[in-house]
Amino acid sequence: MRLLLDANLSPETASFLRSLGFDAESLIEMGLGAMIDEKVFQLAQQESRTLITFDLDFGEMYYFATSKKLNVIVLRLNDQRVESVNVVLEQFLKTQADLFENKNKRLIIINDSGIRISE
């Protein structure tokens, strides 16, 4: 699975996900932390990466996009410390990997009470 972490997630999370065997890139590590949302969305599409973010704007961009060409994971967590985010992502990615096996693209909202998935 190819992942792109928005600039609002720590590069430590990208490193953690790589240690689990995921192909994870961080906008901050790439020197693209100031990139505007539309360009981030395009980059994720071009590189066939699932975008992971805290930014609700990406959920709206996904929802209103005429063609759904990428998966977006929006994290709505009260505890946004690196350690907590890493635990949530590890659990989700290990238990829900089958969501990414077919060609359907999804908007996935992960919050403290559960997961909501839209296609």
PDB file of N, CA and C in Angstrom:
ATOM      1  N   MET A   1       0.847  -1.174   0.000  1.00  0.00           N
ATOM      2  CA  MET A   1       0.000   0.000   0.000  1.00  0.00           C
ATOM      3  C   MET A   1       0.895   1.241   0.000  1.00  0.00           C
ATOM      4  N   ARG A   2       0.553   2.186  -0.866  1.00  0.00           N
ATOM      5  CA  ARG A   2       1.304   3.430  -0.999  1.00  0.00           C
ATOM      6  C   ARG A   2       0.564   4.546  -0.264  1.00  0.00           C
ATOM      7  N   LEU A   3       1.262   5.211   0.645  1.00  0.00           N
ATOM      8  CA  LEU A   3       0.643   6.219   1.502  1.00  0.00           C
ATOM      9  C   LEU A   3       1.362   7.557   1.341  1.00  0.00           C
ATOM     10  N   LEU A   4       0.585   8.641   1.438  1.00  0.00           N
ATOM     11  CA  LEU A   4       1.143   9.992   1.450  1.00  0.00           C
ATOM     12  C   LEU A   4       0.604  10.696   2.681  1.00  0.00           C
ATOM     13  N   LEU A   5       1.505  11.118   3.554  1.00  0.00           N
ATOM     14  CA  LEU A   5       1.109  11.808   4.781  1.00  0.00           C
ATOM     15  C   LEU A   5       1.140  13.305   4.562  1.00  0.00           C
ATOM     16  N   ASP A   6       0.022  13.933   4.843  1.00  0.00           N
ATOM     17  CA  ASP A   6      -0.102  15.379   4.733  1.00  0.00           C
ATOM     18  C   ASP A   6       0.886  16.047   5.695  1.00  0.00           C
ATOM     19  N   ALA A   7       1.102  17.335   5.492  1.00  0.00           N
ATOM     20  CA  ALA A   7       2.073  18.080   6.304  1.00  0.00           C
ATOM     21  C   ALA A   7       1.660  18.205   7.760  1.00  0.00           C
ATOM     22  N   ASN A   8       0.393  17.910   8.078  1.00  0.00           N
ATOM     23  CA  ASN A   8      -0.030  18.003   9.473  1.00  0.00           C
ATOM     24  C   ASN A   8       0.224  16.716  10.252  1.00  0.00           C
ATOM     25  N   LEU A   9       0.840  15.745   9.628  1.00  0.00           N
ATOM     26  CA  LEU A   9       1.274  14.531  10.319  1.00  0.00           C
ATOM     27  C   LEU A   9       2.797  14.524  10.410  1.00  0.00           C
ATOM     28  N   SER A  10       3.288  14.002  11.501  1.00  0.00           N
ATOM     29  CA  SER A  10       4.726  13.983  11.746  1.00  0.00           C
ATOM     30  C   SER A  10       5.445  13.022  10.790  1.00  0.00           C
ATOM     31  N   PRO A  11       6.642  13.407  10.340  1.00  0.00           N
ATOM     32  CA  PRO A  11       7.470  12.476   9.572  1.00  0.00           C
ATOM     33  C   PRO A  11       7.794  11.210  10.374  1.00  0.00           C
ATOM     34  N   GLU A  12       7.721  11.304  11.707  1.00  0.00           N
ATOM     35  CA  GLU A  12       7.927  10.115  12.531  1.00  0.00           C
ATOM     36  C   GLU A  12       6.871   9.055  12.232  1.00  0.00           C
ATOM     37  N   THR A  13       5.670   9.490  11.890  1.00  0.00           N
ATOM     38  CA  THR A  13       4.617   8.532  11.544  1.00  0.00           C
ATOM     39  C   THR A  13       4.938   7.860  10.215  1.00  0.00           C
ATOM     40  N   ALA A  14       5.464   8.606   9.268  1.00  0.00           N
ATOM     41  CA  ALA A  14       5.873   8.008   7.989  1.00  0.00           C
ATOM     42  C   ALA A  14       6.958   6.959   8.229  1.00  0.00           C
ATOM     43  N   SER A  15       7.933   7.292   9.060  1.00  0.00           N
ATOM     44  CA  SER A  15       9.002   6.352   9.389  1.00  0.00           C
ATOM     45  C   SER A  15       8.433   5.101  10.063  1.00  0.00           C
ATOM     46  N   PHE A  16       7.504   5.302  10.982  1.00  0.00           N
ATOM     47  CA  PHE A  16       6.861   4.183  11.674  1.00  0.00           C
ATOM     48  C   PHE A  16       6.136   3.280  10.680  1.00  0.00           C
ATOM     49  N   LEU A  17       5.386   3.883   9.763  1.00  0.00           N
ATOM     50  CA  LEU A  17       4.646   3.083   8.776  1.00  0.00           C
ATOM     51  C   LEU A  17       5.599   2.329   7.849  1.00  0.00           C
ATOM     52  N   ARG A  18       6.715   2.936   7.498  1.00  0.00           N
ATOM     53  CA  ARG A  18       7.715   2.230   6.693  1.00  0.00           C
ATOM     54  C   ARG A  18       8.272   1.032   7.452  1.00  0.00           C
ATOM     55  N   SER A  19       8.440   1.176   8.766  1.00  0.00           N
ATOM     56  CA  SER A  19       8.957   0.064   9.571  1.00  0.00           C
ATOM     57  C   SER A  19       7.982  -1.112   9.594  1.00  0.00           C
ATOM     58  N   LEU A  20       6.703  -0.822   9.318  1.00  0.00           N
ATOM     59  CA  LEU A  20       5.687  -1.877   9.245  1.00  0.00           C
ATOM     60  C   LEU A  20       5.577  -2.478   7.835  1.00  0.00           C
ATOM     61  N   GLY A  21       6.358  -1.931   6.910  1.00  0.00           N
ATOM     62  CA  GLY A  21       6.368  -2.469   5.550  1.00  0.00           C
ATOM     63  C   GLY A  21       5.542  -1.683   4.551  1.00  0.00           C
ATOM     64  N   PHE A  22       5.014  -0.542   4.943  1.00  0.00           N
ATOM     65  CA  PHE A  22       4.221   0.279   4.027  1.00  0.00           C
ATOM     66  C   PHE A  22       5.129   1.235   3.262  1.00  0.00           C
ATOM     67  N   ASP A  23       4.753   1.557   2.041  1.00  0.00           N
ATOM     68  CA  ASP A  23       5.442   2.542   1.221  1.00  0.00           C
ATOM     69  C   ASP A  23       4.853   3.903   1.593  1.00  0.00           C
ATOM     70  N   ALA A  24       5.441   4.555   2.590  1.00  0.00           N
ATOM     71  CA  ALA A  24       4.892   5.804   3.139  1.00  0.00           C
ATOM     72  C   ALA A  24       5.826   6.971   2.854  1.00  0.00           C
ATOM     73  N   GLU A  25       5.254   8.029   2.301  1.00  0.00           N
ATOM     74  CA  GLU A  25       5.980   9.270   2.044  1.00  0.00           C
ATOM     75  C   GLU A  25       5.351  10.385   2.870  1.00  0.00           C
ATOM     76  N   SER A  26       6.152  11.322   3.287  1.00  0.00           N
ATOM     77  CA  SER A  26       5.703  12.466   4.075  1.00  0.00           C
ATOM     78  C   SER A  26       5.969  13.741   3.285  1.00  0.00           C
ATOM     79  N   LEU A  27       4.957  14.606   3.187  1.00  0.00           N
ATOM     80  CA  LEU A  27       5.170  15.884   2.505  1.00  0.00           C
ATOM     81  C   LEU A  27       6.299  16.675   3.148  1.00  0.00           C
ATOM     82  N   ILE A  28       6.403  16.599   4.468  1.00  0.00           N
ATOM     83  CA  ILE A  28       7.470  17.329   5.159  1.00  0.00           C
ATOM     84  C   ILE A  28       8.832  16.774   4.755  1.00  0.00           C
ATOM     85  N   GLU A  29       8.975  15.454   4.730  1.00  0.00           N
ATOM     86  CA  GLU A  29      10.249  14.848   4.331  1.00  0.00           C
ATOM     87  C   GLU A  29      10.599  15.196   2.889  1.00  0.00           C
ATOM     88  N   MET A  30       9.576  15.374   2.065  1.00  0.00           N
ATOM     89  CA  MET A  30       9.788  15.692   0.650  1.00  0.00           C
ATOM     90  C   MET A  30      10.051  17.185   0.434  1.00  0.00           C
ATOM     91  N   GLY A  31       9.976  17.984   1.502  1.00  0.00           N
ATOM     92  CA  GLY A  31      10.163  19.416   1.376  1.00  0.00           C
ATOM     93  C   GLY A  31       8.960  20.132   0.788  1.00  0.00           C
ATOM     94  N   LEU A  32       7.785  19.499   0.895  1.00  0.00           N
ATOM     95  CA  LEU A  32       6.563  20.046   0.293  1.00  0.00           C
ATOM     96  C   LEU A  32       5.521  20.422   1.344  1.00  0.00           C
ATOM     97  N   GLY A  33       5.965  20.733   2.541  1.00  0.00           N
ATOM     98  CA  GLY A  33       5.051  21.025   3.634  1.00  0.00           C
ATOM     99  C   GLY A  33       4.140  22.210   3.406  1.00  0.00           C
ATOM    100  N   ALA A  34       4.529  23.141   2.535  1.00  0.00           N
ATOM    101  CA  ALA A  34       3.718  24.338   2.280  1.00  0.00           C
ATOM    102  C   ALA A  34       2.830  24.198   1.043  1.00  0.00           C
ATOM    103  N   MET A  35       2.806  23.018   0.449  1.00  0.00           N
ATOM    104  CA  MET A  35       2.021  22.803  -0.761  1.00  0.00           C
ATOM    105  C   MET A  35       0.530  23.013  -0.482  1.00  0.00           C
ATOM    106  N   ILE A  36      -0.178  23.665  -1.396  1.00  0.00           N
ATOM    107  CA  ILE A  36      -1.610  23.898  -1.221  1.00  0.00           C
ATOM    108  C   ILE A  36      -2.383  22.588  -1.391  1.00  0.00           C
ATOM    109  N   ASP A  37      -3.548  22.536  -0.771  1.00  0.00           N
ATOM    110  CA  ASP A  37      -4.342  21.303  -0.727  1.00  0.00           C
ATOM    111  C   ASP A  37      -4.611  20.717  -2.107  1.00  0.00           C
ATOM    112  N   GLU A  38      -4.960  21.544  -3.066  1.00  0.00           N
ATOM    113  CA  GLU A  38      -5.281  21.041  -4.406  1.00  0.00           C
ATOM    114  C   GLU A  38      -4.091  20.312  -5.024  1.00  0.00           C
ATOM    115  N   LYS A  39      -2.896  20.840  -4.802  1.00  0.00           N
ATOM    116  CA  LYS A  39      -1.680  20.207  -5.341  1.00  0.00           C
ATOM    117  C   LYS A  39      -1.368  18.913  -4.592  1.00  0.00           C
ATOM    118  N   VAL A  40      -1.626  18.890  -3.293  1.00  0.00           N
ATOM    119  CA  VAL A  40      -1.429  17.661  -2.511  1.00  0.00           C
ATOM    120  C   VAL A  40      -2.358  16.574  -3.038  1.00  0.00           C
ATOM    121  N   PHE A  41      -3.614  16.932  -3.264  1.00  0.00           N
ATOM    122  CA  PHE A  41      -4.610  16.001  -3.798  1.00  0.00           C
ATOM    123  C   PHE A  41      -4.137  15.450  -5.144  1.00  0.00           C
ATOM    124  N   GLN A  42      -3.649  16.335  -6.013  1.00  0.00           N
ATOM    125  CA  GLN A  42      -3.155  15.919  -7.329  1.00  0.00           C
ATOM    126  C   GLN A  42      -1.939  15.008  -7.213  1.00  0.00           C
ATOM    127  N   LEU A  43      -1.026  15.342  -6.309  1.00  0.00           N
ATOM    128  CA  LEU A  43       0.171  14.523  -6.113  1.00  0.00           C
ATOM    129  C   LEU A  43      -0.204  13.114  -5.673  1.00  0.00           C
ATOM    130  N   ALA A  44      -1.121  13.014  -4.727  1.00  0.00           N
ATOM    131  CA  ALA A  44      -1.562  11.699  -4.258  1.00  0.00           C
ATOM    132  C   ALA A  44      -2.176  10.904  -5.409  1.00  0.00           C
ATOM    133  N   GLN A  45      -2.962  11.567  -6.249  1.00  0.00           N
ATOM    134  CA  GLN A  45      -3.555  10.885  -7.412  1.00  0.00           C
ATOM    135  C   GLN A  45      -2.477  10.420  -8.377  1.00  0.00           C
ATOM    136  N   GLN A  46      -1.557  11.324  -8.719  1.00  0.00           N
ATOM    137  CA  GLN A  46      -0.504  11.004  -9.680  1.00  0.00           C
ATOM    138  C   GLN A  46       0.358   9.841  -9.224  1.00  0.00           C
ATOM    139  N   GLU A  47       0.614   9.761  -7.917  1.00  0.00           N
ATOM    140  CA  GLU A  47       1.488   8.714  -7.387  1.00  0.00           C
ATOM    141  C   GLU A  47       0.710   7.496  -6.890  1.00  0.00           C
ATOM    142  N   SER A  48      -0.608   7.493  -7.099  1.00  0.00           N
ATOM    143  CA  SER A  48      -1.469   6.389  -6.659  1.00  0.00           C
ATOM    144  C   SER A  48      -1.253   6.074  -5.174  1.00  0.00           C
ATOM    145  N   ARG A  49      -1.316   7.130  -4.365  1.00  0.00           N
ATOM    146  CA  ARG A  49      -1.121   6.979  -2.928  1.00  0.00           C
ATOM    147  C   ARG A  49      -2.410   7.303  -2.186  1.00  0.00           C
ATOM    148  N   THR A  50      -2.614   6.618  -1.081  1.00  0.00           N
ATOM    149  CA  THR A  50      -3.693   6.950  -0.158  1.00  0.00           C
ATOM    150  C   THR A  50      -3.225   8.130   0.677  1.00  0.00           C
ATOM    151  N   LEU A  51      -4.018   9.188   0.686  1.00  0.00           N
ATOM    152  CA  LEU A  51      -3.673  10.389   1.433  1.00  0.00           C
ATOM    153  C   LEU A  51      -4.171  10.262   2.866  1.00  0.00           C
ATOM    154  N   ILE A  52      -3.295  10.509   3.829  1.00  0.00           N
ATOM    155  CA  ILE A  52      -3.654  10.489   5.250  1.00  0.00           C
ATOM    156  C   ILE A  52      -3.474  11.899   5.790  1.00  0.00           C
ATOM    157  N   THR A  53      -4.505  12.415   6.466  1.00  0.00           N
ATOM    158  CA  THR A  53      -4.502  13.807   6.896  1.00  0.00           C
ATOM    159  C   THR A  53      -5.380  14.025   8.126  1.00  0.00           C
ATOM    160  N   PHE A  54      -5.185  15.152   8.767  1.00  0.00           N
ATOM    161  CA  PHE A  54      -6.102  15.633   9.803  1.00  0.00           C
ATOM    162  C   PHE A  54      -7.067  16.675   9.218  1.00  0.00           C
ATOM    163  N   ASP A  55      -6.844  17.082   7.997  1.00  0.00           N
ATOM    164  CA  ASP A  55      -7.536  18.201   7.366  1.00  0.00           C
ATOM    165  C   ASP A  55      -8.857  17.768   6.728  1.00  0.00           C
ATOM    166  N   LEU A  56      -9.957  18.265   7.264  1.00  0.00           N
ATOM    167  CA  LEU A  56     -11.286  17.933   6.727  1.00  0.00           C
ATOM    168  C   LEU A  56     -11.487  18.417   5.296  1.00  0.00           C
ATOM    169  N   ASP A  57     -10.725  19.403   4.868  1.00  0.00           N
ATOM    170  CA  ASP A  57     -10.876  19.903   3.498  1.00  0.00           C
ATOM    171  C   ASP A  57     -10.666  18.793   2.473  1.00  0.00           C
ATOM    172  N   PHE A  58      -9.789  17.849   2.770  1.00  0.00           N
ATOM    173  CA  PHE A  58      -9.550  16.754   1.827  1.00  0.00           C
ATOM    174  C   PHE A  58     -10.761  15.834   1.733  1.00  0.00           C
ATOM    175  N   GLY A  59     -11.496  15.692   2.818  1.00  0.00           N
ATOM    176  CA  GLY A  59     -12.741  14.938   2.767  1.00  0.00           C
ATOM    177  C   GLY A  59     -13.733  15.596   1.830  1.00  0.00           C
ATOM    178  N   GLU A  60     -13.823  16.909   1.911  1.00  0.00           N
ATOM    179  CA  GLU A  60     -14.718  17.647   1.011  1.00  0.00           C
ATOM    180  C   GLU A  60     -14.244  17.551  -0.429  1.00  0.00           C
ATOM    181  N   MET A  61     -12.940  17.647  -0.636  1.00  0.00           N
ATOM    182  CA  MET A  61     -12.401  17.537  -1.996  1.00  0.00           C
ATOM    183  C   MET A  61     -12.726  16.172  -2.578  1.00  0.00           C
ATOM    184  N   TYR A  62     -12.582  15.126  -1.787  1.00  0.00           N
ATOM    185  CA  TYR A  62     -12.912  13.781  -2.243  1.00  0.00           C
ATOM    186  C   TYR A  62     -14.398  13.702  -2.584  1.00  0.00           C
ATOM    187  N   TYR A  63     -15.224  14.179  -1.673  1.00  0.00           N
ATOM    188  CA  TYR A  63     -16.664  14.071  -1.824  1.00  0.00           C
ATOM    189  C   TYR A  63     -17.146  14.768  -3.090  1.00  0.00           C
ATOM    190  N   PHE A  64     -16.573  15.925  -3.395  1.00  0.00           N
ATOM    191  CA  PHE A  64     -17.029  16.703  -4.548  1.00  0.00           C
ATOM    192  C   PHE A  64     -16.267  16.400  -5.834  1.00  0.00           C
ATOM    193  N   ALA A  65     -15.247  15.575  -5.778  1.00  0.00           N
ATOM    194  CA  ALA A  65     -14.499  15.212  -6.993  1.00  0.00           C
ATOM    195  C   ALA A  65     -15.395  14.411  -7.922  1.00  0.00           C
ATOM    196  N   THR A  66     -15.346  14.732  -9.201  1.00  0.00           N
ATOM    197  CA  THR A  66     -16.189  14.019 -10.158  1.00  0.00           C
ATOM    198  C   THR A  66     -15.720  12.585 -10.363  1.00  0.00           C
ATOM    199  N   SER A  67     -14.418  12.371 -10.299  1.00  0.00           N
ATOM    200  CA  SER A  67     -13.912  11.003 -10.390  1.00  0.00           C
ATOM    201  C   SER A  67     -13.080  10.718  -9.148  1.00  0.00           C
ATOM    202  N   LYS A  68     -13.397   9.645  -8.507  1.00  0.00           N
ATOM    203  CA  LYS A  68     -12.718   9.261  -7.267  1.00  0.00           C
ATOM    204  C   LYS A  68     -11.471   8.460  -7.634  1.00  0.00           C
ATOM    205  N   LYS A  69     -10.328   9.134  -7.653  1.00  0.00           N
ATOM    206  CA  LYS A  69      -9.107   8.492  -8.107  1.00  0.00           C
ATOM    207  C   LYS A  69      -8.111   8.201  -7.003  1.00  0.00           C
ATOM    208  N   LEU A  70      -8.512   8.439  -5.753  1.00  0.00           N
ATOM    209  CA  LEU A  70      -7.613   8.114  -4.662  1.00  0.00           C
ATOM    210  C   LEU A  70      -8.408   7.857  -3.394  1.00  0.00           C
ATOM    211  N   ASN A  71      -7.780   7.132  -2.495  1.00  0.00           N
ATOM    212  CA  ASN A  71      -8.333   6.929  -1.158  1.00  0.00           C
ATOM    213  C   ASN A  71      -7.853   8.077  -0.277  1.00  0.00           C
ATOM    214  N   VAL A  72      -8.738   8.531   0.604  1.00  0.00           N
ATOM    215  CA  VAL A  72      -8.392   9.570   1.566  1.00  0.00           C
ATOM    216  C   VAL A  72      -8.767   9.066   2.953  1.00  0.00           C
ATOM    217  N   ILE A  73      -7.814   9.132   3.876  1.00  0.00           N
ATOM    218  CA  ILE A  73      -8.065   8.805   5.279  1.00  0.00           C
ATOM    219  C   ILE A  73      -7.953  10.104   6.067  1.00  0.00           C
ATOM    220  N   VAL A  74      -9.071  10.509   6.679  1.00  0.00           N
ATOM    221  CA  VAL A  74      -9.083  11.711   7.514  1.00  0.00           C
ATOM    222  C   VAL A  74      -9.131  11.268   8.973  1.00  0.00           C
ATOM    223  N   LEU A  75      -8.158  11.707   9.737  1.00  0.00           N
ATOM    224  CA  LEU A  75      -8.085  11.370  11.156  1.00  0.00           C
ATOM    225  C   LEU A  75      -8.743  12.486  11.962  1.00  0.00           C
ATOM    226  N   ARG A  76      -9.717  12.126  12.774  1.00  0.00           N
ATOM    227  CA  ARG A  76     -10.414  13.077  13.657  1.00  0.00           C
ATOM    228  C   ARG A  76     -10.234  12.586  15.082  1.00  0.00           C
ATOM    229  N   LEU A  77      -9.012  12.665  15.572  1.00  0.00           N
ATOM    230  CA  LEU A  77      -8.652  12.104  16.865  1.00  0.00           C
ATOM    231  C   LEU A  77      -8.423  13.203  17.885  1.00  0.00           C
ATOM    232  N   ASN A  78      -8.913  13.016  19.092  1.00  0.00           N
ATOM    233  CA  ASN A  78      -8.656  13.984  20.154  1.00  0.00           C
ATOM    234  C   ASN A  78      -7.178  14.002  20.533  1.00  0.00           C
ATOM    235  N   ASP A  79      -6.564  12.839  20.575  1.00  0.00           N
ATOM    236  CA  ASP A  79      -5.147  12.725  20.909  1.00  0.00           C
ATOM    237  C   ASP A  79      -4.357  12.618  19.605  1.00  0.00           C
ATOM    238  N   GLN A  80      -3.713  13.705  19.212  1.00  0.00           N
ATOM    239  CA  GLN A  80      -2.987  13.735  17.947  1.00  0.00           C
ATOM    240  C   GLN A  80      -1.476  13.594  18.124  1.00  0.00           C
ATOM    241  N   ARG A  81      -1.061  13.116  19.298  1.00  0.00           N
ATOM    242  CA  ARG A  81       0.365  12.866  19.505  1.00  0.00           C
ATOM    243  C   ARG A  81       0.810  11.731  18.581  1.00  0.00           C
ATOM    244  N   VAL A  82       2.057  11.789  18.175  1.00  0.00           N
ATOM    245  CA  VAL A  82       2.609  10.811  17.241  1.00  0.00           C
ATOM    246  C   VAL A  82       2.335   9.385  17.693  1.00  0.00           C
ATOM    247  N   GLU A  83       2.582   9.106  18.962  1.00  0.00           N
ATOM    248  CA  GLU A  83       2.419   7.740  19.463  1.00  0.00           C
ATOM    249  C   GLU A  83       0.975   7.257  19.312  1.00  0.00           C
ATOM    250  N   SER A  84       0.037   8.124  19.599  1.00  0.00           N
ATOM    251  CA  SER A  84      -1.376   7.747  19.497  1.00  0.00           C
ATOM    252  C   SER A  84      -1.798   7.549  18.046  1.00  0.00           C
ATOM    253  N   VAL A  85      -1.365   8.459  17.191  1.00  0.00           N
ATOM    254  CA  VAL A  85      -1.680   8.352  15.761  1.00  0.00           C
ATOM    255  C   VAL A  85      -1.100   7.054  15.208  1.00  0.00           C
ATOM    256  N   ASN A  86       0.122   6.732  15.582  1.00  0.00           N
ATOM    257  CA  ASN A  86       0.761   5.511  15.094  1.00  0.00           C
ATOM    258  C   ASN A  86      -0.031   4.270  15.492  1.00  0.00           C
ATOM    259  N   VAL A  87      -0.495   4.217  16.727  1.00  0.00           N
ATOM    260  CA  VAL A  87      -1.287   3.071  17.189  1.00  0.00           C
ATOM    261  C   VAL A  87      -2.577   2.946  16.386  1.00  0.00           C
ATOM    262  N   VAL A  88      -3.272   4.062  16.186  1.00  0.00           N
ATOM    263  CA  VAL A  88      -4.546   4.045  15.445  1.00  0.00           C
ATOM    264  C   VAL A  88      -4.311   3.600  14.005  1.00  0.00           C
ATOM    265  N   LEU A  89      -3.301   4.166  13.349  1.00  0.00           N
ATOM    266  CA  LEU A  89      -3.040   3.797  11.955  1.00  0.00           C
ATOM    267  C   LEU A  89      -2.589   2.351  11.813  1.00  0.00           C
ATOM    268  N   GLU A  90      -1.741   1.898  12.720  1.00  0.00           N
ATOM    269  CA  GLU A  90      -1.293   0.502  12.659  1.00  0.00           C
ATOM    270  C   GLU A  90      -2.486  -0.438  12.778  1.00  0.00           C
ATOM    271  N   GLN A  91      -3.333  -0.199  13.753  1.00  0.00           N
ATOM    272  CA  GLN A  91      -4.494  -1.062  13.945  1.00  0.00           C
ATOM    273  C   GLN A  91      -5.408  -1.026  12.721  1.00  0.00           C
ATOM    274  N   PHE A  92      -5.679   0.169  12.215  1.00  0.00           N
ATOM    275  CA  PHE A  92      -6.561   0.282  11.060  1.00  0.00           C
ATOM    276  C   PHE A  92      -5.962  -0.388   9.827  1.00  0.00           C
ATOM    277  N   LEU A  93      -4.724  -0.073   9.500  1.00  0.00           N
ATOM    278  CA  LEU A  93      -4.113  -0.598   8.279  1.00  0.00           C
ATOM    279  C   LEU A  93      -3.927  -2.109   8.326  1.00  0.00           C
ATOM    280  N   LYS A  94      -3.671  -2.655   9.500  1.00  0.00           N
ATOM    281  CA  LYS A  94      -3.505  -4.108   9.609  1.00  0.00           C
ATOM    282  C   LYS A  94      -4.839  -4.848   9.546  1.00  0.00           C
ATOM    283  N   THR A  95      -5.897  -4.235  10.044  1.00  0.00           N
ATOM    284  CA  THR A  95      -7.188  -4.936  10.089  1.00  0.00           C
ATOM    285  C   THR A  95      -8.083  -4.616   8.900  1.00  0.00           C
ATOM    286  N   GLN A  96      -7.816  -3.521   8.211  1.00  0.00           N
ATOM    287  CA  GLN A  96      -8.695  -3.105   7.114  1.00  0.00           C
ATOM    288  C   GLN A  96      -7.991  -3.074   5.760  1.00  0.00           C
ATOM    289  N   ALA A  97      -6.888  -3.773   5.626  1.00  0.00           N
ATOM    290  CA  ALA A  97      -6.117  -3.756   4.383  1.00  0.00           C
ATOM    291  C   ALA A  97      -6.941  -4.191   3.182  1.00  0.00           C
ATOM    292  N   ASP A  98      -7.931  -5.043   3.406  1.00  0.00           N
ATOM    293  CA  ASP A  98      -8.760  -5.529   2.300  1.00  0.00           C
ATOM    294  C   ASP A  98      -9.558  -4.399   1.636  1.00  0.00           C
ATOM    295  N   LEU A  99      -9.761  -3.290   2.339  1.00  0.00           N
ATOM    296  CA  LEU A  99     -10.459  -2.149   1.749  1.00  0.00           C
ATOM    297  C   LEU A  99      -9.714  -1.597   0.542  1.00  0.00           C
ATOM    298  N   PHE A 100      -8.414  -1.802   0.498  1.00  0.00           N
ATOM    299  CA  PHE A 100      -7.587  -1.205  -0.538  1.00  0.00           C
ATOM    300  C   PHE A 100      -7.248  -2.179  -1.671  1.00  0.00           C
ATOM    301  N   GLU A 101      -7.785  -3.392  -1.602  1.00  0.00           N
ATOM    302  CA  GLU A 101      -7.446  -4.406  -2.591  1.00  0.00           C
ATOM    303  C   GLU A 101      -8.199  -4.241  -3.904  1.00  0.00           C
ATOM    304  N   ASN A 102      -9.395  -3.651  -3.862  1.00  0.00           N
ATOM    305  CA  ASN A 102     -10.106  -3.480  -5.123  1.00  0.00           C
ATOM    306  C   ASN A 102      -9.918  -2.059  -5.626  1.00  0.00           C
ATOM    307  N   LYS A 103     -10.493  -1.776  -6.765  1.00  0.00           N
ATOM    308  CA  LYS A 103     -10.268  -0.486  -7.409  1.00  0.00           C
ATOM    309  C   LYS A 103     -11.168   0.623  -6.886  1.00  0.00           C
ATOM    310  N   ASN A 104     -12.153   0.283  -6.072  1.00  0.00           N
ATOM    311  CA  ASN A 104     -13.026   1.320  -5.521  1.00  0.00           C
ATOM    312  C   ASN A 104     -12.218   2.229  -4.607  1.00  0.00           C
ATOM    313  N   LYS A 105     -12.410   3.522  -4.769  1.00  0.00           N
ATOM    314  CA  LYS A 105     -11.721   4.497  -3.927  1.00  0.00           C
ATOM    315  C   LYS A 105     -12.679   4.962  -2.839  1.00  0.00           C
ATOM    316  N   ARG A 106     -12.126   5.275  -1.686  1.00  0.00           N
ATOM    317  CA  ARG A 106     -12.960   5.566  -0.524  1.00  0.00           C
ATOM    318  C   ARG A 106     -12.466   6.776   0.253  1.00  0.00           C
ATOM    319  N   LEU A 107     -13.422   7.386   0.944  1.00  0.00           N
ATOM    320  CA  LEU A 107     -13.125   8.379   1.961  1.00  0.00           C
ATOM    321  C   LEU A 107     -13.337   7.674   3.288  1.00  0.00           C
ATOM    322  N   ILE A 108     -12.305   7.656   4.112  1.00  0.00           N
ATOM    323  CA  ILE A 108     -12.354   6.946   5.385  1.00  0.00           C
ATOM    324  C   ILE A 108     -12.108   7.963   6.494  1.00  0.00           C
ATOM    325  N   ILE A 109     -13.061   8.061   7.389  1.00  0.00           N
ATOM    326  CA  ILE A 109     -12.932   8.956   8.533  1.00  0.00           C
ATOM    327  C   ILE A 109     -12.695   8.078   9.761  1.00  0.00           C
ATOM    328  N   ILE A 110     -11.590   8.305  10.435  1.00  0.00           N
ATOM    329  CA  ILE A 110     -11.287   7.565  11.655  1.00  0.00           C
ATOM    330  C   ILE A 110     -11.371   8.547  12.812  1.00  0.00           C
ATOM    331  N   ASN A 111     -12.288   8.280  13.746  1.00  0.00           N
ATOM    332  CA  ASN A 111     -12.380   9.119  14.934  1.00  0.00           C
ATOM    333  C   ASN A 111     -12.291   8.241  16.172  1.00  0.00           C
ATOM    334  N   ASP A 112     -12.426   8.860  17.315  1.00  0.00           N
ATOM    335  CA  ASP A 112     -12.244   8.134  18.574  1.00  0.00           C
ATOM    336  C   ASP A 112     -13.322   7.077  18.816  1.00  0.00           C
ATOM    337  N   SER A 113     -14.445   7.199  18.155  1.00  0.00           N
ATOM    338  CA  SER A 113     -15.535   6.251  18.396  1.00  0.00           C
ATOM    339  C   SER A 113     -15.670   5.211  17.289  1.00  0.00           C
ATOM    340  N   GLY A 114     -14.881   5.318  16.218  1.00  0.00           N
ATOM    341  CA  GLY A 114     -14.980   4.310  15.169  1.00  0.00           C
ATOM    342  C   GLY A 114     -14.523   4.801  13.816  1.00  0.00           C
ATOM    343  N   ILE A 115     -14.985   4.081  12.802  1.00  0.00           N
ATOM    344  CA  ILE A 115     -14.574   4.325  11.421  1.00  0.00           C
ATOM    345  C   ILE A 115     -15.813   4.503  10.567  1.00  0.00           C
ATOM    346  N   ARG A 116     -15.791   5.502   9.692  1.00  0.00           N
ATOM    347  CA  ARG A 116     -16.877   5.710   8.726  1.00  0.00           C
ATOM    348  C   ARG A 116     -16.270   5.668   7.342  1.00  0.00           C
ATOM    349  N   ILE A 117     -16.888   4.898   6.449  1.00  0.00           N
ATOM    350  CA  ILE A 117     -16.343   4.703   5.103  1.00  0.00           C
ATOM    351  C   ILE A 117     -17.387   5.112   4.078  1.00  0.00           C
ATOM    352  N   SER A 118     -16.963   5.960   3.130  1.00  0.00           N
ATOM    353  CA  SER A 118     -17.841   6.385   2.033  1.00  0.00           C
ATOM    354  C   SER A 118     -17.158   6.046   0.709  1.00  0.00           C
ATOM    355  N   GLU A 119     -17.970   5.659  -0.256  1.00  0.00           N
ATOM    356  CA  GLU A 119     -17.434   5.406  -1.612  1.00  0.00           C
ATOM    357  C   GLU A 119     -17.987   6.409  -2.567  1.00  0.00           C
TER     358      GLU A 119
END
